[in-house]
Amino acid sequence: MTRRDGPSRKADASTGAPARQAPRRAPARDFELEAGSFAHYEDPAYYASSYASRIEDVAYYVALAQRSPGPVLEYGVGNGRIAIPIARHGRNVVGVDHSAPMLADLRARVAREPAEVAARVSAVRGDMRRVRLKRRFPLVLATFNTALHLYVRDDVERFLARVREHLAPGGRFVVDLSMPTIADLARMAGRAYSVPRFRHPTTGLVVKNREYFDYDPLRQVLFVSMEFVPVSDPAAAWITPLAHRQFFPREWEALLHYNGFDVDHVDGDFEGGLLTKDSDVMVWHAKHATRRPKGRP
């Protein structure tokens, strides 16, 4: 028998019938990655406070939306840090996110907006690899490292298949990813990197903040542990994990290529600068491929 013949099925000794093959086992859950996918987004107040000064990407995506002829689909919409400003500038936004706390905060924030802005924002809770909206958009976004929660190739392929389904003919898919740097990935595991103490917006306590980094080169995942130690009660310290897949530029280009996309261009910052070896971020602009994907028959 050759490999092409497939596995043999031995006969049952009592009946002569082919023996039933054992069912295929489901992949084991990786609780470390699950925690690193969700924990950082369970506290919307801390998230909003941490990224309040991050405005360059907001302006970048607002400008893209204004140049787009229609509604916007945003994966990783969170609590609307980018979606609400887009809506304020007159574009309808549909958001997809897996975090119930972040979407609850999004609803609260939208409710405080003028009625005409609130009417432009809607959101769906679900897994970006699976959600099917049965409509197409001229602009599809995966903002602020959302795609770094796609940890294996199958995750990426399923997500990009959903993007293809939702992207209108002639539309644009834009995704930003942090640029992996050897210096960051080579940080010593177990070494604490201190951040200035601050008053935590959720607990109201002044906390010391330390971060630990541990890069797994086999899975290409950077694990970050954010430790918060209340000054008044150190025994009440807690840790929030975060797990980010690290995609290198040529790797992400190949994933797009073999999953039905042509890369239009890549920006190296949120001002439209060139991607260089010193860039901190990669902003990929892609469109439906003019050829047939080669990754699968």
C-alpha atoms as a PDB file:
ATOM      1  CA  MET A   1       0.000   0.000   0.000  1.00  0.00           C
ATOM      2  CA  THR A   2       1.239   3.473  -0.811  1.00  0.00           C
ATOM      3  CA  ARG A   3       0.365   6.672   1.072  1.00  0.00           C
ATOM      4  CA  ARG A   4      -1.952   7.571  -1.799  1.00  0.00           C
ATOM      5  CA  ASP A   5      -3.987   4.424  -1.138  1.00  0.00           C
ATOM      6  CA  GLY A   6      -4.976   5.780   2.266  1.00  0.00           C
ATOM      7  CA  PRO A   7      -5.071   3.902   5.589  1.00  0.00           C
ATOM      8  CA  SER A   8      -6.223   0.292   5.588  1.00  0.00           C
ATOM      9  CA  ARG A   9      -9.359  -0.795   7.457  1.00  0.00           C
ATOM     10  CA  LYS A  10      -8.851  -4.109   9.238  1.00  0.00           C
ATOM     11  CA  ALA A  11     -11.794  -6.515   9.292  1.00  0.00           C
ATOM     12  CA  ASP A  12     -13.623  -7.261  12.520  1.00  0.00           C
ATOM     13  CA  ALA A  13     -12.787 -10.871  13.476  1.00  0.00           C
ATOM     14  CA  SER A  14     -16.377 -11.771  14.457  1.00  0.00           C
ATOM     15  CA  THR A  15     -18.327 -10.224  11.569  1.00  0.00           C
ATOM     16  CA  GLY A  16     -15.831  -9.756   8.793  1.00  0.00           C
ATOM     17  CA  ALA A  17     -16.990  -6.133   8.502  1.00  0.00           C
ATOM     18  CA  PRO A  18     -14.418  -3.360   8.286  1.00  0.00           C
ATOM     19  CA  ALA A  19     -13.536  -2.071  11.750  1.00  0.00           C
ATOM     20  CA  ARG A  20     -14.782   1.401  12.598  1.00  0.00           C
ATOM     21  CA  GLN A  21     -11.981   3.922  12.828  1.00  0.00           C
ATOM     22  CA  ALA A  22     -11.522   5.831  16.070  1.00  0.00           C
ATOM     23  CA  PRO A  23     -12.986   9.367  15.919  1.00  0.00           C
ATOM     24  CA  ARG A  24     -10.515  12.162  15.369  1.00  0.00           C
ATOM     25  CA  ARG A  25      -9.666  13.962  18.570  1.00  0.00           C
ATOM     26  CA  ALA A  26     -10.459  17.641  18.832  1.00  0.00           C
ATOM     27  CA  PRO A  27      -7.380  19.839  19.301  1.00  0.00           C
ATOM     28  CA  ALA A  28      -6.515  20.390  22.946  1.00  0.00           C
ATOM     29  CA  ARG A  29      -7.474  23.793  24.286  1.00  0.00           C
ATOM     30  CA  ASP A  30      -4.548  26.085  24.999  1.00  0.00           C
ATOM     31  CA  PHE A  31      -5.618  27.871  28.151  1.00  0.00           C
ATOM     32  CA  GLU A  32      -2.479  30.023  28.140  1.00  0.00           C
ATOM     33  CA  LEU A  33      -3.400  31.480  24.757  1.00  0.00           C
ATOM     34  CA  GLU A  34      -7.065  31.803  25.699  1.00  0.00           C
ATOM     35  CA  ALA A  35      -6.159  33.859  28.770  1.00  0.00           C
ATOM     36  CA  GLY A  36      -3.785  35.969  26.698  1.00  0.00           C
ATOM     37  CA  SER A  37      -6.557  36.627  24.180  1.00  0.00           C
ATOM     38  CA  PHE A  38      -9.253  37.816  26.567  1.00  0.00           C
ATOM     39  CA  ALA A  39      -7.886  39.068  29.897  1.00  0.00           C
ATOM     40  CA  HIS A  40      -6.553  42.405  28.623  1.00  0.00           C
ATOM     41  CA  TYR A  41     -10.021  43.300  27.341  1.00  0.00           C
ATOM     42  CA  GLU A  42     -12.014  42.466  30.466  1.00  0.00           C
ATOM     43  CA  ASP A  43     -11.426  45.908  31.997  1.00  0.00           C
ATOM     44  CA  PRO A  44     -12.610  48.608  29.548  1.00  0.00           C
ATOM     45  CA  ALA A  45     -11.836  51.475  31.950  1.00  0.00           C
ATOM     46  CA  TYR A  46      -8.181  50.456  32.237  1.00  0.00           C
ATOM     47  CA  TYR A  47      -7.981  49.833  28.489  1.00  0.00           C
ATOM     48  CA  ALA A  48      -9.410  53.260  27.680  1.00  0.00           C
ATOM     49  CA  SER A  49      -7.075  54.961  30.132  1.00  0.00           C
ATOM     50  CA  SER A  50      -4.008  53.115  28.828  1.00  0.00           C
ATOM     51  CA  TYR A  51      -4.585  54.074  25.195  1.00  0.00           C
ATOM     52  CA  ALA A  52      -6.179  57.498  25.575  1.00  0.00           C
ATOM     53  CA  SER A  53      -3.095  59.176  24.107  1.00  0.00           C
ATOM     54  CA  ARG A  54      -2.939  56.821  21.112  1.00  0.00           C
ATOM     55  CA  ILE A  55      -4.497  59.053  18.470  1.00  0.00           C
ATOM     56  CA  GLU A  56      -2.306  58.660  15.384  1.00  0.00           C
ATOM     57  CA  ASP A  57      -4.047  55.492  14.240  1.00  0.00           C
ATOM     58  CA  VAL A  58      -7.456  57.050  14.888  1.00  0.00           C
ATOM     59  CA  ALA A  59      -6.706  59.923  12.518  1.00  0.00           C
ATOM     60  CA  TYR A  60      -5.280  57.480   9.963  1.00  0.00           C
ATOM     61  CA  TYR A  61      -8.377  55.289   9.888  1.00  0.00           C
ATOM     62  CA  VAL A  62     -10.785  58.228   9.933  1.00  0.00           C
ATOM     63  CA  ALA A  63      -9.055  59.589   6.825  1.00  0.00           C
ATOM     64  CA  LEU A  64      -9.289  56.172   5.125  1.00  0.00           C
ATOM     65  CA  ALA A  65     -12.983  55.914   5.944  1.00  0.00           C
ATOM     66  CA  GLN A  66     -13.666  59.379   4.564  1.00  0.00           C
ATOM     67  CA  ARG A  67     -12.073  58.385   1.263  1.00  0.00           C
ATOM     68  CA  SER A  68     -14.086  55.157   1.154  1.00  0.00           C
ATOM     69  CA  PRO A  69     -17.418  55.219  -0.719  1.00  0.00           C
ATOM     70  CA  GLY A  70     -19.472  53.395   1.899  1.00  0.00           C
ATOM     71  CA  PRO A  71     -19.744  51.657   5.267  1.00  0.00           C
ATOM     72  CA  VAL A  72     -16.773  50.279   7.183  1.00  0.00           C
ATOM     73  CA  LEU A  73     -16.298  46.878   8.807  1.00  0.00           C
ATOM     74  CA  GLU A  74     -13.905  46.934  11.769  1.00  0.00           C
ATOM     75  CA  TYR A  75     -12.571  43.737  13.325  1.00  0.00           C
ATOM     76  CA  GLY A  76     -11.511  44.288  16.923  1.00  0.00           C
ATOM     77  CA  VAL A  77     -13.868  47.238  17.386  1.00  0.00           C
ATOM     78  CA  GLY A  78     -13.495  47.059  21.177  1.00  0.00           C
ATOM     79  CA  ASN A  79     -15.082  50.001  22.944  1.00  0.00           C
ATOM     80  CA  GLY A  80     -15.111  52.164  19.837  1.00  0.00           C
ATOM     81  CA  ARG A  81     -11.816  54.010  20.145  1.00  0.00           C
ATOM     82  CA  ILE A  82     -11.629  54.124  16.330  1.00  0.00           C
ATOM     83  CA  ALA A  83     -15.208  53.327  15.286  1.00  0.00           C
ATOM     84  CA  ILE A  84     -16.850  56.251  17.084  1.00  0.00           C
ATOM     85  CA  PRO A  85     -14.567  58.906  15.525  1.00  0.00           C
ATOM     86  CA  ILE A  86     -15.260  57.343  12.105  1.00  0.00           C
ATOM     87  CA  ALA A  87     -18.995  57.623  12.797  1.00  0.00           C
ATOM     88  CA  ARG A  88     -18.573  61.240  13.892  1.00  0.00           C
ATOM     89  CA  HIS A  89     -17.146  61.924  10.447  1.00  0.00           C
ATOM     90  CA  GLY A  90     -20.234  60.587   8.715  1.00  0.00           C
ATOM     91  CA  ARG A  91     -19.453  56.942   7.977  1.00  0.00           C
ATOM     92  CA  ASN A  92     -21.442  53.912   9.115  1.00  0.00           C
ATOM     93  CA  VAL A  93     -19.374  51.344  11.015  1.00  0.00           C
ATOM     94  CA  VAL A  94     -20.112  47.704  11.786  1.00  0.00           C
ATOM     95  CA  GLY A  95     -17.821  46.283  14.442  1.00  0.00           C
ATOM     96  CA  VAL A  96     -16.936  42.692  15.324  1.00  0.00           C
ATOM     97  CA  ASP A  97     -15.412  41.787  18.690  1.00  0.00           C
ATOM     98  CA  HIS A  98     -15.262  38.774  20.992  1.00  0.00           C
ATOM     99  CA  SER A  99     -15.123  40.735  24.272  1.00  0.00           C
ATOM    100  CA  ALA A 100     -18.472  41.216  26.009  1.00  0.00           C
ATOM    101  CA  PRO A 101     -17.099  43.843  28.469  1.00  0.00           C
ATOM    102  CA  MET A 102     -15.627  45.941  25.659  1.00  0.00           C
ATOM    103  CA  LEU A 103     -18.839  45.790  23.632  1.00  0.00           C
ATOM    104  CA  ALA A 104     -20.876  46.764  26.687  1.00  0.00           C
ATOM    105  CA  ASP A 105     -18.617  49.789  27.086  1.00  0.00           C
ATOM    106  CA  LEU A 106     -19.018  50.530  23.371  1.00  0.00           C
ATOM    107  CA  ARG A 107     -22.799  50.597  23.779  1.00  0.00           C
ATOM    108  CA  ALA A 108     -22.506  52.962  26.736  1.00  0.00           C
ATOM    109  CA  ARG A 109     -20.193  55.288  24.820  1.00  0.00           C
ATOM    110  CA  VAL A 110     -22.380  55.262  21.729  1.00  0.00           C
ATOM    111  CA  ALA A 111     -25.411  56.107  23.866  1.00  0.00           C
ATOM    112  CA  ARG A 112     -23.678  59.334  24.913  1.00  0.00           C
ATOM    113  CA  GLU A 113     -23.152  60.415  21.307  1.00  0.00           C
ATOM    114  CA  PRO A 114     -25.630  62.553  19.321  1.00  0.00           C
ATOM    115  CA  ALA A 115     -28.418  60.476  17.801  1.00  0.00           C
ATOM    116  CA  GLU A 116     -27.114  60.816  14.241  1.00  0.00           C
ATOM    117  CA  VAL A 117     -23.690  59.494  15.313  1.00  0.00           C
ATOM    118  CA  ALA A 118     -25.101  56.670  17.437  1.00  0.00           C
ATOM    119  CA  ALA A 119     -27.212  55.501  14.507  1.00  0.00           C
ATOM    120  CA  ARG A 120     -24.071  54.935  12.437  1.00  0.00           C
ATOM    121  CA  VAL A 121     -22.472  52.405  14.843  1.00  0.00           C
ATOM    122  CA  SER A 122     -23.493  48.777  15.242  1.00  0.00           C
ATOM    123  CA  ALA A 123     -21.599  45.809  16.610  1.00  0.00           C
ATOM    124  CA  VAL A 124     -21.686  42.023  16.565  1.00  0.00           C
ATOM    125  CA  ARG A 125     -20.162  39.869  19.259  1.00  0.00           C
ATOM    126  CA  GLY A 126     -18.324  36.874  17.867  1.00  0.00           C
ATOM    127  CA  ASP A 127     -15.128  35.191  16.751  1.00  0.00           C
ATOM    128  CA  MET A 128     -13.543  37.006  13.814  1.00  0.00           C
ATOM    129  CA  ARG A 129     -12.711  33.635  12.265  1.00  0.00           C
ATOM    130  CA  ARG A 130     -16.383  32.638  12.145  1.00  0.00           C
ATOM    131  CA  VAL A 131     -18.705  35.657  11.991  1.00  0.00           C
ATOM    132  CA  ARG A 132     -20.595  35.917   8.701  1.00  0.00           C
ATOM    133  CA  LEU A 133     -22.535  39.136   8.174  1.00  0.00           C
ATOM    134  CA  LYS A 134     -23.902  38.322   4.682  1.00  0.00           C
ATOM    135  CA  ARG A 135     -22.965  41.734   3.337  1.00  0.00           C
ATOM    136  CA  ARG A 136     -19.928  43.395   1.768  1.00  0.00           C
ATOM    137  CA  PHE A 137     -17.991  46.527   2.621  1.00  0.00           C
ATOM    138  CA  PRO A 138     -15.705  48.738   0.532  1.00  0.00           C
ATOM    139  CA  LEU A 139     -13.365  49.094   3.518  1.00  0.00           C
ATOM    140  CA  VAL A 140     -12.512  46.307   5.984  1.00  0.00           C
ATOM    141  CA  LEU A 141     -10.210  47.081   8.906  1.00  0.00           C
ATOM    142  CA  ALA A 142      -8.376  44.943  11.465  1.00  0.00           C
ATOM    143  CA  THR A 143      -7.059  47.614  13.803  1.00  0.00           C
ATOM    144  CA  PHE A 144      -4.514  47.853  16.619  1.00  0.00           C
ATOM    145  CA  ASN A 145      -2.959  44.384  16.501  1.00  0.00           C
ATOM    146  CA  THR A 146      -6.278  42.529  16.345  1.00  0.00           C
ATOM    147  CA  ALA A 147      -4.702  40.007  13.951  1.00  0.00           C
ATOM    148  CA  LEU A 148      -2.003  39.209  16.522  1.00  0.00           C
ATOM    149  CA  HIS A 149      -4.606  37.040  18.250  1.00  0.00           C
ATOM    150  CA  LEU A 150      -4.490  34.622  15.309  1.00  0.00           C
ATOM    151  CA  TYR A 151      -1.983  32.171  16.686  1.00  0.00           C
ATOM    152  CA  VAL A 152      -1.752  29.393  14.081  1.00  0.00           C
ATOM    153  CA  ARG A 153      -2.018  29.225  10.303  1.00  0.00           C
ATOM    154  CA  ASP A 154      -5.522  27.788  10.412  1.00  0.00           C
ATOM    155  CA  ASP A 155      -6.659  30.807  12.447  1.00  0.00           C
ATOM    156  CA  VAL A 156      -5.212  33.164   9.861  1.00  0.00           C
ATOM    157  CA  GLU A 157      -6.703  31.290   6.911  1.00  0.00           C
ATOM    158  CA  ARG A 158     -10.183  31.208   8.421  1.00  0.00           C
ATOM    159  CA  PHE A 159     -10.018  34.899   9.289  1.00  0.00           C
ATOM    160  CA  LEU A 160      -8.819  35.900   5.831  1.00  0.00           C
ATOM    161  CA  ALA A 161     -11.593  33.786   4.298  1.00  0.00           C
ATOM    162  CA  ARG A 162     -14.117  35.855   6.277  1.00  0.00           C
ATOM    163  CA  VAL A 163     -12.434  39.049   5.117  1.00  0.00           C
ATOM    164  CA  ARG A 164     -12.697  37.919   1.483  1.00  0.00           C
ATOM    165  CA  GLU A 165     -16.414  37.234   1.982  1.00  0.00           C
ATOM    166  CA  HIS A 166     -17.016  40.678   3.456  1.00  0.00           C
ATOM    167  CA  LEU A 167     -14.804  42.740   1.139  1.00  0.00           C
ATOM    168  CA  ALA A 168     -16.639  44.315  -1.785  1.00  0.00           C
ATOM    169  CA  PRO A 169     -15.179  44.051  -5.309  1.00  0.00           C
ATOM    170  CA  GLY A 170     -12.547  46.746  -5.607  1.00  0.00           C
ATOM    171  CA  GLY A 171     -12.589  47.199  -1.830  1.00  0.00           C
ATOM    172  CA  ARG A 172      -9.628  47.637   0.484  1.00  0.00           C
ATOM    173  CA  PHE A 173      -8.530  45.506   3.453  1.00  0.00           C
ATOM    174  CA  VAL A 174      -6.268  47.326   5.908  1.00  0.00           C
ATOM    175  CA  VAL A 175      -4.608  45.632   8.879  1.00  0.00           C
ATOM    176  CA  ASP A 176      -1.974  46.991  11.239  1.00  0.00           C
ATOM    177  CA  LEU A 177       0.518  44.773  13.054  1.00  0.00           C
ATOM    178  CA  SER A 178       3.366  45.634  15.385  1.00  0.00           C
ATOM    179  CA  MET A 179       6.767  45.041  13.818  1.00  0.00           C
ATOM    180  CA  PRO A 180       8.666  42.283  15.640  1.00  0.00           C
ATOM    181  CA  THR A 181      12.086  43.426  16.798  1.00  0.00           C
ATOM    182  CA  ILE A 182      14.850  41.114  17.976  1.00  0.00           C
ATOM    183  CA  ALA A 183      15.632  43.369  20.936  1.00  0.00           C
ATOM    184  CA  ASP A 184      12.068  43.123  22.216  1.00  0.00           C
ATOM    185  CA  LEU A 185      11.792  39.375  21.648  1.00  0.00           C
ATOM    186  CA  ALA A 186      15.157  38.746  23.344  1.00  0.00           C
ATOM    187  CA  ARG A 187      14.127  40.301  26.654  1.00  0.00           C
ATOM    188  CA  MET A 188      15.065  38.091  29.580  1.00  0.00           C
ATOM    189  CA  ALA A 189      12.094  36.083  30.828  1.00  0.00           C
ATOM    190  CA  GLY A 190      11.458  36.765  34.503  1.00  0.00           C
ATOM    191  CA  ARG A 191      12.964  40.231  34.447  1.00  0.00           C
ATOM    192  CA  ALA A 192      10.555  42.930  35.609  1.00  0.00           C
ATOM    193  CA  TYR A 193      10.203  46.110  33.571  1.00  0.00           C
ATOM    194  CA  SER A 194       8.764  48.774  35.851  1.00  0.00           C
ATOM    195  CA  VAL A 195       6.177  51.304  34.744  1.00  0.00           C
ATOM    196  CA  PRO A 196       5.501  54.450  36.835  1.00  0.00           C
ATOM    197  CA  ARG A 197       2.888  53.899  39.525  1.00  0.00           C
ATOM    198  CA  PHE A 198      -0.573  55.272  38.817  1.00  0.00           C
ATOM    199  CA  ARG A 199      -4.104  55.292  40.184  1.00  0.00           C
ATOM    200  CA  HIS A 200      -5.953  52.400  38.625  1.00  0.00           C
ATOM    201  CA  PRO A 201      -9.151  53.695  36.988  1.00  0.00           C
ATOM    202  CA  THR A 202     -11.212  50.656  37.978  1.00  0.00           C
ATOM    203  CA  THR A 203     -10.133  50.021  41.569  1.00  0.00           C
ATOM    204  CA  GLY A 204      -9.191  53.600  42.441  1.00  0.00           C
ATOM    205  CA  LEU A 205      -6.044  52.271  44.118  1.00  0.00           C
ATOM    206  CA  VAL A 206      -2.524  53.571  43.523  1.00  0.00           C
ATOM    207  CA  VAL A 207      -0.623  50.632  42.064  1.00  0.00           C
ATOM    208  CA  LYS A 208       2.914  49.753  41.156  1.00  0.00           C
ATOM    209  CA  ASN A 209       3.021  48.329  37.655  1.00  0.00           C
ATOM    210  CA  ARG A 210       5.571  45.793  36.394  1.00  0.00           C
ATOM    211  CA  GLU A 211       5.637  43.969  33.066  1.00  0.00           C
ATOM    212  CA  TYR A 212       7.284  40.653  32.217  1.00  0.00           C
ATOM    213  CA  PHE A 213       8.010  39.436  28.680  1.00  0.00           C
ATOM    214  CA  ASP A 214       8.507  35.852  27.547  1.00  0.00           C
ATOM    215  CA  TYR A 215       8.859  35.045  23.841  1.00  0.00           C
ATOM    216  CA  ASP A 216       8.140  31.504  22.655  1.00  0.00           C
ATOM    217  CA  PRO A 217      10.123  31.110  19.398  1.00  0.00           C
ATOM    218  CA  LEU A 218       8.389  27.849  18.433  1.00  0.00           C
ATOM    219  CA  ARG A 219       4.915  29.337  18.491  1.00  0.00           C
ATOM    220  CA  GLN A 220       6.157  32.852  17.642  1.00  0.00           C
ATOM    221  CA  VAL A 221       4.066  34.215  20.494  1.00  0.00           C
ATOM    222  CA  LEU A 222       5.112  36.995  22.831  1.00  0.00           C
ATOM    223  CA  PHE A 223       3.586  36.523  26.280  1.00  0.00           C
ATOM    224  CA  VAL A 224       3.283  39.659  28.393  1.00  0.00           C
ATOM    225  CA  SER A 225       2.349  39.539  32.076  1.00  0.00           C
ATOM    226  CA  MET A 226       1.198  42.877  33.515  1.00  0.00           C
ATOM    227  CA  GLU A 227       1.455  42.893  37.296  1.00  0.00           C
ATOM    228  CA  PHE A 228      -0.473  45.428  39.395  1.00  0.00           C
ATOM    229  CA  VAL A 229       0.517  45.787  43.048  1.00  0.00           C
ATOM    230  CA  PRO A 230      -1.627  48.100  45.231  1.00  0.00           C
ATOM    231  CA  VAL A 231       0.678  50.279  47.322  1.00  0.00           C
ATOM    232  CA  SER A 232      -1.716  50.062  50.271  1.00  0.00           C
ATOM    233  CA  ASP A 233      -2.129  46.273  50.083  1.00  0.00           C
ATOM    234  CA  PRO A 234       0.626  44.428  48.180  1.00  0.00           C
ATOM    235  CA  ALA A 235      -0.987  41.068  48.974  1.00  0.00           C
ATOM    236  CA  ALA A 236      -3.911  42.043  46.719  1.00  0.00           C
ATOM    237  CA  ALA A 237      -1.695  42.137  43.615  1.00  0.00           C
ATOM    238  CA  TRP A 238      -3.047  40.711  40.373  1.00  0.00           C
ATOM    239  CA  ILE A 239      -1.661  39.847  36.941  1.00  0.00           C
ATOM    240  CA  THR A 240      -3.223  40.394  33.526  1.00  0.00           C
ATOM    241  CA  PRO A 241      -1.776  38.247  30.703  1.00  0.00           C
ATOM    242  CA  LEU A 242      -1.564  39.200  27.042  1.00  0.00           C
ATOM    243  CA  ALA A 243      -0.457  36.952  24.156  1.00  0.00           C
ATOM    244  CA  HIS A 244       0.520  38.374  20.757  1.00  0.00           C
ATOM    245  CA  ARG A 245       1.522  36.300  17.760  1.00  0.00           C
ATOM    246  CA  GLN A 246       4.569  37.805  16.024  1.00  0.00           C
ATOM    247  CA  PHE A 247       4.284  38.043  12.246  1.00  0.00           C
ATOM    248  CA  PHE A 248       7.389  38.990  10.301  1.00  0.00           C
ATOM    249  CA  PRO A 249       6.883  41.115   7.163  1.00  0.00           C
ATOM    250  CA  ARG A 250       7.590  38.457   4.537  1.00  0.00           C
ATOM    251  CA  GLU A 251       5.528  35.938   6.488  1.00  0.00           C
ATOM    252  CA  TRP A 252       2.442  38.174   6.517  1.00  0.00           C
ATOM    253  CA  GLU A 253       2.931  39.011   2.842  1.00  0.00           C
ATOM    254  CA  ALA A 254       2.919  35.286   2.010  1.00  0.00           C
ATOM    255  CA  LEU A 255      -0.186  34.665   4.125  1.00  0.00           C
ATOM    256  CA  LEU A 256      -2.044  37.381   2.236  1.00  0.00           C
ATOM    257  CA  HIS A 257      -0.789  36.120  -1.134  1.00  0.00           C
ATOM    258  CA  TYR A 258      -1.777  32.485  -0.593  1.00  0.00           C
ATOM    259  CA  ASN A 259      -5.166  33.451   0.819  1.00  0.00           C
ATOM    260  CA  GLY A 260      -6.445  35.443  -2.114  1.00  0.00           C
ATOM    261  CA  PHE A 261      -5.088  38.976  -1.653  1.00  0.00           C
ATOM    262  CA  ASP A 262      -2.775  41.273  -3.566  1.00  0.00           C
ATOM    263  CA  VAL A 263      -0.789  43.733  -1.468  1.00  0.00           C
ATOM    264  CA  ASP A 264      -1.302  47.285  -2.682  1.00  0.00           C
ATOM    265  CA  HIS A 265       1.239  48.872  -0.356  1.00  0.00           C
ATOM    266  CA  VAL A 266       2.543  48.830   3.220  1.00  0.00           C
ATOM    267  CA  ASP A 267       2.934  51.903   5.406  1.00  0.00           C
ATOM    268  CA  GLY A 268       5.550  51.982   8.145  1.00  0.00           C
ATOM    269  CA  ASP A 269       3.671  54.420  10.371  1.00  0.00           C
ATOM    270  CA  PHE A 270       0.298  56.138  10.643  1.00  0.00           C
ATOM    271  CA  GLU A 271       1.446  59.104   8.604  1.00  0.00           C
ATOM    272  CA  GLY A 272       1.917  57.153   5.384  1.00  0.00           C
ATOM    273  CA  GLY A 273       5.677  56.728   5.753  1.00  0.00           C
ATOM    274  CA  LEU A 274       7.629  53.910   4.153  1.00  0.00           C
ATOM    275  CA  LEU A 275       8.099  50.608   5.939  1.00  0.00           C
ATOM    276  CA  THR A 276      11.735  50.385   7.068  1.00  0.00           C
ATOM    277  CA  LYS A 277      13.789  48.236   9.424  1.00  0.00           C
ATOM    278  CA  ASP A 278      13.198  50.885  12.098  1.00  0.00           C
ATOM    279  CA  SER A 279       9.396  50.899  11.795  1.00  0.00           C
ATOM    280  CA  ASP A 280       7.365  50.016  14.886  1.00  0.00           C
ATOM    281  CA  VAL A 281       4.240  49.148  12.932  1.00  0.00           C
ATOM    282  CA  MET A 282       3.252  47.644   9.578  1.00  0.00           C
ATOM    283  CA  VAL A 283       0.012  48.867   7.993  1.00  0.00           C
ATOM    284  CA  TRP A 284      -0.896  46.505   5.165  1.00  0.00           C
ATOM    285  CA  HIS A 285      -3.265  47.600   2.379  1.00  0.00           C
ATOM    286  CA  ALA A 286      -4.594  44.696   0.306  1.00  0.00           C
ATOM    287  CA  LYS A 287      -7.270  43.969  -2.264  1.00  0.00           C
ATOM    288  CA  HIS A 288      -8.897  40.907  -3.767  1.00  0.00           C
ATOM    289  CA  ALA A 289      -6.298  39.050  -5.832  1.00  0.00           C
ATOM    290  CA  THR A 290      -6.623  39.189  -9.587  1.00  0.00           C
ATOM    291  CA  ARG A 291      -5.415  35.577  -9.684  1.00  0.00           C
ATOM    292  CA  ARG A 292      -6.673  32.414  -8.088  1.00  0.00           C
ATOM    293  CA  PRO A 293      -5.278  31.655  -4.587  1.00  0.00           C
ATOM    294  CA  LYS A 294      -2.516  29.040  -4.713  1.00  0.00           C
ATOM    295  CA  GLY A 295      -2.611  27.931  -1.090  1.00  0.00           C
ATOM    296  CA  ARG A 296      -5.352  25.300  -1.452  1.00  0.00           C
ATOM    297  CA  PRO A 297      -6.950  23.532  -4.473  1.00  0.00           C
END
